Protein backbone atom coordinates (compact mmCIF):
# COMPACT_ATOMS: atom_id res chain seq x y z
CA GLY A 1 0.00 0.00 0.00
CA GLY A 2 3.00 2.32 0.25
CA ASN A 3 5.76 3.53 -2.03
CA SER A 4 8.37 0.93 -1.12
CA TYR A 5 8.44 -2.80 -1.68
CA SER A 6 10.91 -5.64 -1.59
CA VAL A 7 11.17 -8.75 -3.74
CA THR A 8 10.93 -11.83 -1.53
CA GLY A 9 10.93 -14.48 -4.27
CA PHE A 10 9.82 -15.41 -7.73
CA THR A 11 6.78 -17.44 -8.73
CA GLU A 12 6.23 -18.19 -12.37
CA LEU A 13 2.65 -17.51 -13.44
CA LEU A 14 1.62 -19.92 -16.12
CA SER A 15 -1.19 -18.80 -18.34
CA VAL A 16 -0.49 -21.52 -20.90
CA PRO A 17 -2.90 -24.16 -19.48
CA TYR A 18 -5.70 -21.59 -19.41
CA ALA A 19 -4.82 -20.40 -22.90
CA MET A 20 -4.75 -23.98 -24.18
CA HIS A 21 -8.13 -24.68 -22.57
CA SER A 22 -9.52 -21.45 -23.96
CA ALA A 23 -8.31 -22.26 -27.46
CA ASN A 24 -9.83 -25.73 -27.26
CA ALA A 25 -13.08 -24.36 -25.91
CA LEU A 26 -13.33 -21.96 -28.83
CA SER A 27 -12.05 -24.09 -31.70
CA GLY A 28 -12.50 -27.69 -30.66
CA ALA A 29 -15.80 -27.49 -28.83
CA TYR A 30 -17.90 -27.87 -31.96
CA ASN A 31 -17.71 -30.33 -34.81
CA HIS A 32 -19.56 -27.94 -37.13
CA TYR A 33 -19.40 -24.23 -37.91
CA LYS A 34 -21.65 -21.42 -39.09
CA GLY A 35 -21.62 -21.27 -42.86
CA GLU A 36 -20.98 -25.00 -43.26
CA VAL A 37 -22.91 -26.71 -46.05
CA TYR A 38 -24.47 -29.59 -44.16
CA ASN A 39 -27.47 -31.92 -44.42
CA GLY A 40 -29.34 -30.09 -47.15
CA GLY A 41 -28.57 -26.48 -46.30
CA ILE A 42 -26.25 -24.11 -44.48
CA ILE A 43 -25.67 -24.03 -40.73
CA PHE A 44 -26.55 -20.60 -39.30
CA HIS A 45 -26.59 -21.28 -35.55
CA LEU A 46 -24.93 -23.72 -33.12
CA TRP A 47 -25.33 -24.49 -29.42
CA LYS A 48 -24.73 -27.26 -26.89
CA ASP A 49 -27.30 -28.58 -24.46
CA ALA A 50 -26.79 -29.41 -20.77
CA GLN A 51 -25.39 -32.84 -21.75
CA ASN A 52 -22.81 -31.13 -24.03
CA ILE A 53 -24.51 -32.45 -27.17
CA GLU A 54 -24.08 -30.23 -30.20
CA HIS A 55 -27.18 -28.87 -31.99
CA GLY A 56 -27.64 -26.51 -34.88
CA LEU A 57 -30.05 -24.76 -37.20
CA ILE A 58 -29.82 -25.20 -40.97
CA VAL A 59 -31.39 -22.91 -43.57
CA ASP A 60 -32.62 -24.16 -46.95
CA THR A 61 -30.70 -22.98 -50.01
CA LEU A 62 -33.94 -21.97 -51.74
CA GLU A 63 -36.94 -19.78 -51.07
CA LEU A 64 -40.12 -21.84 -51.01
CA SER A 65 -42.32 -18.86 -51.87
CA THR A 66 -42.20 -15.12 -52.32
CA ALA A 67 -45.87 -14.65 -51.36
CA GLU A 68 -47.47 -17.10 -48.91
CA TYR A 69 -49.75 -16.40 -45.96
CA TYR A 70 -49.50 -17.68 -42.40
CA SER A 71 -52.60 -19.89 -42.71
CA ASN A 72 -55.89 -20.17 -44.55
CA ILE A 73 -57.54 -19.90 -41.11
CA GLN A 74 -57.14 -16.22 -40.39
CA THR A 75 -59.75 -15.38 -37.74
CA VAL A 76 -59.38 -18.18 -35.16
CA LEU A 77 -56.61 -18.11 -32.57
CA ILE A 78 -54.52 -21.31 -32.37
CA GLY A 79 -53.21 -20.52 -28.90
CA THR A 80 -50.03 -21.15 -26.94
CA THR A 81 -49.01 -24.22 -28.98
CA ALA A 82 -48.24 -21.87 -31.89
CA GLN A 83 -46.87 -18.90 -29.94
CA SER A 84 -43.31 -19.96 -29.17
CA SER A 85 -40.69 -17.42 -30.19
CA TRP A 86 -38.05 -20.16 -30.62
CA ASN A 87 -39.78 -23.51 -31.38
CA GLY A 88 -40.60 -23.28 -35.06
CA LEU A 89 -41.24 -27.00 -35.44
CA GLY A 90 -43.78 -27.04 -32.61
CA ASN A 91 -45.47 -23.93 -34.00
CA SER A 92 -45.56 -25.42 -37.50
CA ASN A 93 -47.23 -28.60 -36.29
CA ALA A 94 -49.79 -26.56 -34.32
CA ILE A 95 -50.62 -24.48 -37.41
CA ILE A 96 -51.31 -27.46 -39.64
CA GLY A 97 -53.16 -29.25 -36.82
CA GLN A 98 -55.79 -26.52 -36.56
CA VAL A 99 -59.28 -27.67 -37.54
CA GLY A 100 -60.04 -26.53 -41.09
CA HIS A 101 -56.40 -26.03 -42.08
CA THR A 102 -55.70 -26.62 -45.78
CA ASN A 103 -52.87 -24.26 -46.71
CA SER A 104 -50.12 -22.31 -44.96
CA ALA A 105 -46.48 -21.32 -45.02
CA ALA A 106 -45.93 -23.99 -42.34
CA LEU A 107 -47.40 -26.71 -44.57
CA LEU A 108 -45.23 -25.55 -47.46
CA CYS A 109 -42.14 -26.04 -45.27
CA LEU A 110 -43.23 -29.30 -43.66
CA ASN A 111 -43.97 -30.80 -47.11
CA SER A 112 -40.64 -29.70 -48.59
CA THR A 113 -38.09 -32.33 -49.62
CA ASN A 114 -35.50 -29.83 -50.83
CA ASN A 115 -31.96 -31.14 -51.01
CA GLY A 116 -33.10 -34.64 -50.01
CA GLN A 117 -34.36 -33.63 -46.55
CA SER A 118 -37.91 -34.11 -45.27
CA ASP A 119 -37.84 -32.44 -41.85
CA TRP A 120 -37.99 -28.77 -42.83
CA TYR A 121 -40.28 -26.43 -40.87
CA LEU A 122 -41.35 -22.79 -40.78
CA PRO A 123 -38.97 -20.94 -38.44
CA ALA A 124 -40.15 -19.13 -35.32
CA ILE A 125 -39.45 -15.41 -35.01
CA ASP A 126 -36.23 -15.88 -32.97
CA GLU A 127 -34.93 -18.40 -35.51
CA LEU A 128 -35.49 -15.83 -38.27
CA PHE A 129 -33.65 -13.24 -36.19
CA LEU A 130 -30.67 -15.61 -35.88
CA LEU A 131 -30.78 -16.19 -39.63
CA TRP A 132 -30.82 -12.43 -40.31
CA HIS A 133 -27.97 -11.90 -37.85
CA ASN A 134 -25.82 -14.41 -39.79
CA ARG A 135 -26.89 -13.42 -43.29
CA PHE A 136 -23.40 -12.22 -44.30
CA ILE A 137 -21.79 -15.65 -43.99
CA ILE A 138 -24.93 -17.41 -45.26
CA ASN A 139 -25.03 -15.25 -48.40
CA LYS A 140 -21.29 -15.75 -48.99
CA VAL A 141 -21.88 -19.50 -49.03
CA LEU A 142 -25.16 -19.31 -50.98
CA SER A 143 -23.37 -17.32 -53.68
CA THR A 144 -21.16 -20.36 -54.33
CA ILE A 145 -24.06 -22.83 -54.70
CA PRO A 146 -25.58 -23.08 -58.20
CA ASN A 147 -29.26 -22.02 -58.34
CA ALA A 148 -29.36 -21.09 -54.64
CA SER A 149 -31.30 -17.98 -53.66
CA GLU A 150 -29.48 -15.51 -51.43
CA LEU A 151 -31.14 -13.88 -48.43
CA PRO A 152 -32.31 -10.34 -49.21
CA VAL A 153 -30.47 -7.36 -47.84
CA ASN A 154 -33.56 -5.42 -46.78
CA PHE A 155 -37.16 -4.47 -47.53
CA TYR A 156 -38.29 -8.10 -47.56
CA GLN A 157 -40.45 -9.77 -44.96
CA TYR A 158 -40.60 -13.45 -44.04
CA VAL A 159 -43.48 -15.38 -42.51
CA SER A 160 -42.62 -16.83 -39.10
CA SER A 161 -44.49 -19.64 -37.38
CA THR A 162 -45.04 -17.51 -34.27
CA GLU A 163 -48.65 -16.56 -33.63
CA ILE A 164 -49.32 -13.44 -31.57
CA PRO A 165 -52.04 -13.62 -28.87
CA ASN A 166 -54.06 -10.89 -30.62
CA ASN A 167 -54.69 -13.46 -33.43
CA ASN A 168 -52.08 -11.95 -35.73
CA ALA A 169 -48.81 -13.52 -36.82
CA CYS A 170 -45.28 -12.34 -36.31
CA TYR A 171 -43.33 -11.62 -39.47
CA PHE A 172 -39.66 -10.74 -39.77
CA SER A 173 -38.34 -7.87 -41.84
CA PHE A 174 -34.83 -8.35 -43.20
CA GLU A 175 -34.09 -4.87 -41.95
CA GLY A 176 -33.73 -6.51 -38.51
CA TYR A 177 -37.06 -6.37 -36.68
CA GLY A 178 -40.31 -8.25 -36.17
CA LEU A 179 -43.68 -7.14 -37.49
CA ASP A 180 -47.23 -7.77 -36.29
CA TYR A 181 -49.62 -8.40 -39.21
CA GLY A 182 -52.82 -10.27 -39.86
CA LYS A 183 -52.52 -13.89 -40.92
CA TYR A 184 -53.65 -12.92 -44.43
CA ALA A 185 -50.42 -11.04 -45.21
CA GLN A 186 -48.37 -12.75 -47.89
CA PHE A 187 -44.62 -12.73 -47.51
CA ARG A 188 -41.54 -14.82 -48.26
CA VAL A 189 -41.00 -18.34 -46.91
CA ARG A 190 -37.60 -19.90 -46.15
CA ALA A 191 -37.57 -23.28 -44.42
CA VAL A 192 -35.15 -24.37 -41.72
CA ARG A 193 -34.33 -27.65 -40.02
CA SER A 194 -32.41 -28.58 -36.91
CA PHE A 195 -30.01 -31.27 -35.72
């Protein structure tokens, strides 16, 4: 605490084990990477669960539609089974399970067999946000795939599978924000799948 001190000995501080662990945690923790062409599309998000099992989200290389609506049932609330902000597959199944359902963006995705895969679904609003957040690397990769359709830069909206409790649907603008519209609004559809 004062102005004078004396050296009583030397202790070598080793940061190498921490640095080695840190490097492994960052580079070796995942078997996959964002932007990897994998299982029918391009990986745009990765995470590990509590058991340290790797999971990811994959986006289709093609747009399924440039003008599709949330559902043909536009005045009846589905409810909480279709209102998850992150579970697009659960939302998609709830949409097509609604009595009277015949057509929707969710059905378009669930019926897709693009790139040899049959487990595509309509992404939830948070999944679309993650896709938008990673659009730079996704578009770099899409630009190298013949006949693939790149993600738009802006002014385009995508249908999400997330229903809003006021009986509207949540759409995502590729300017970086969510929108609240009626289920009749027709916007773009891009399917995703997970592993």
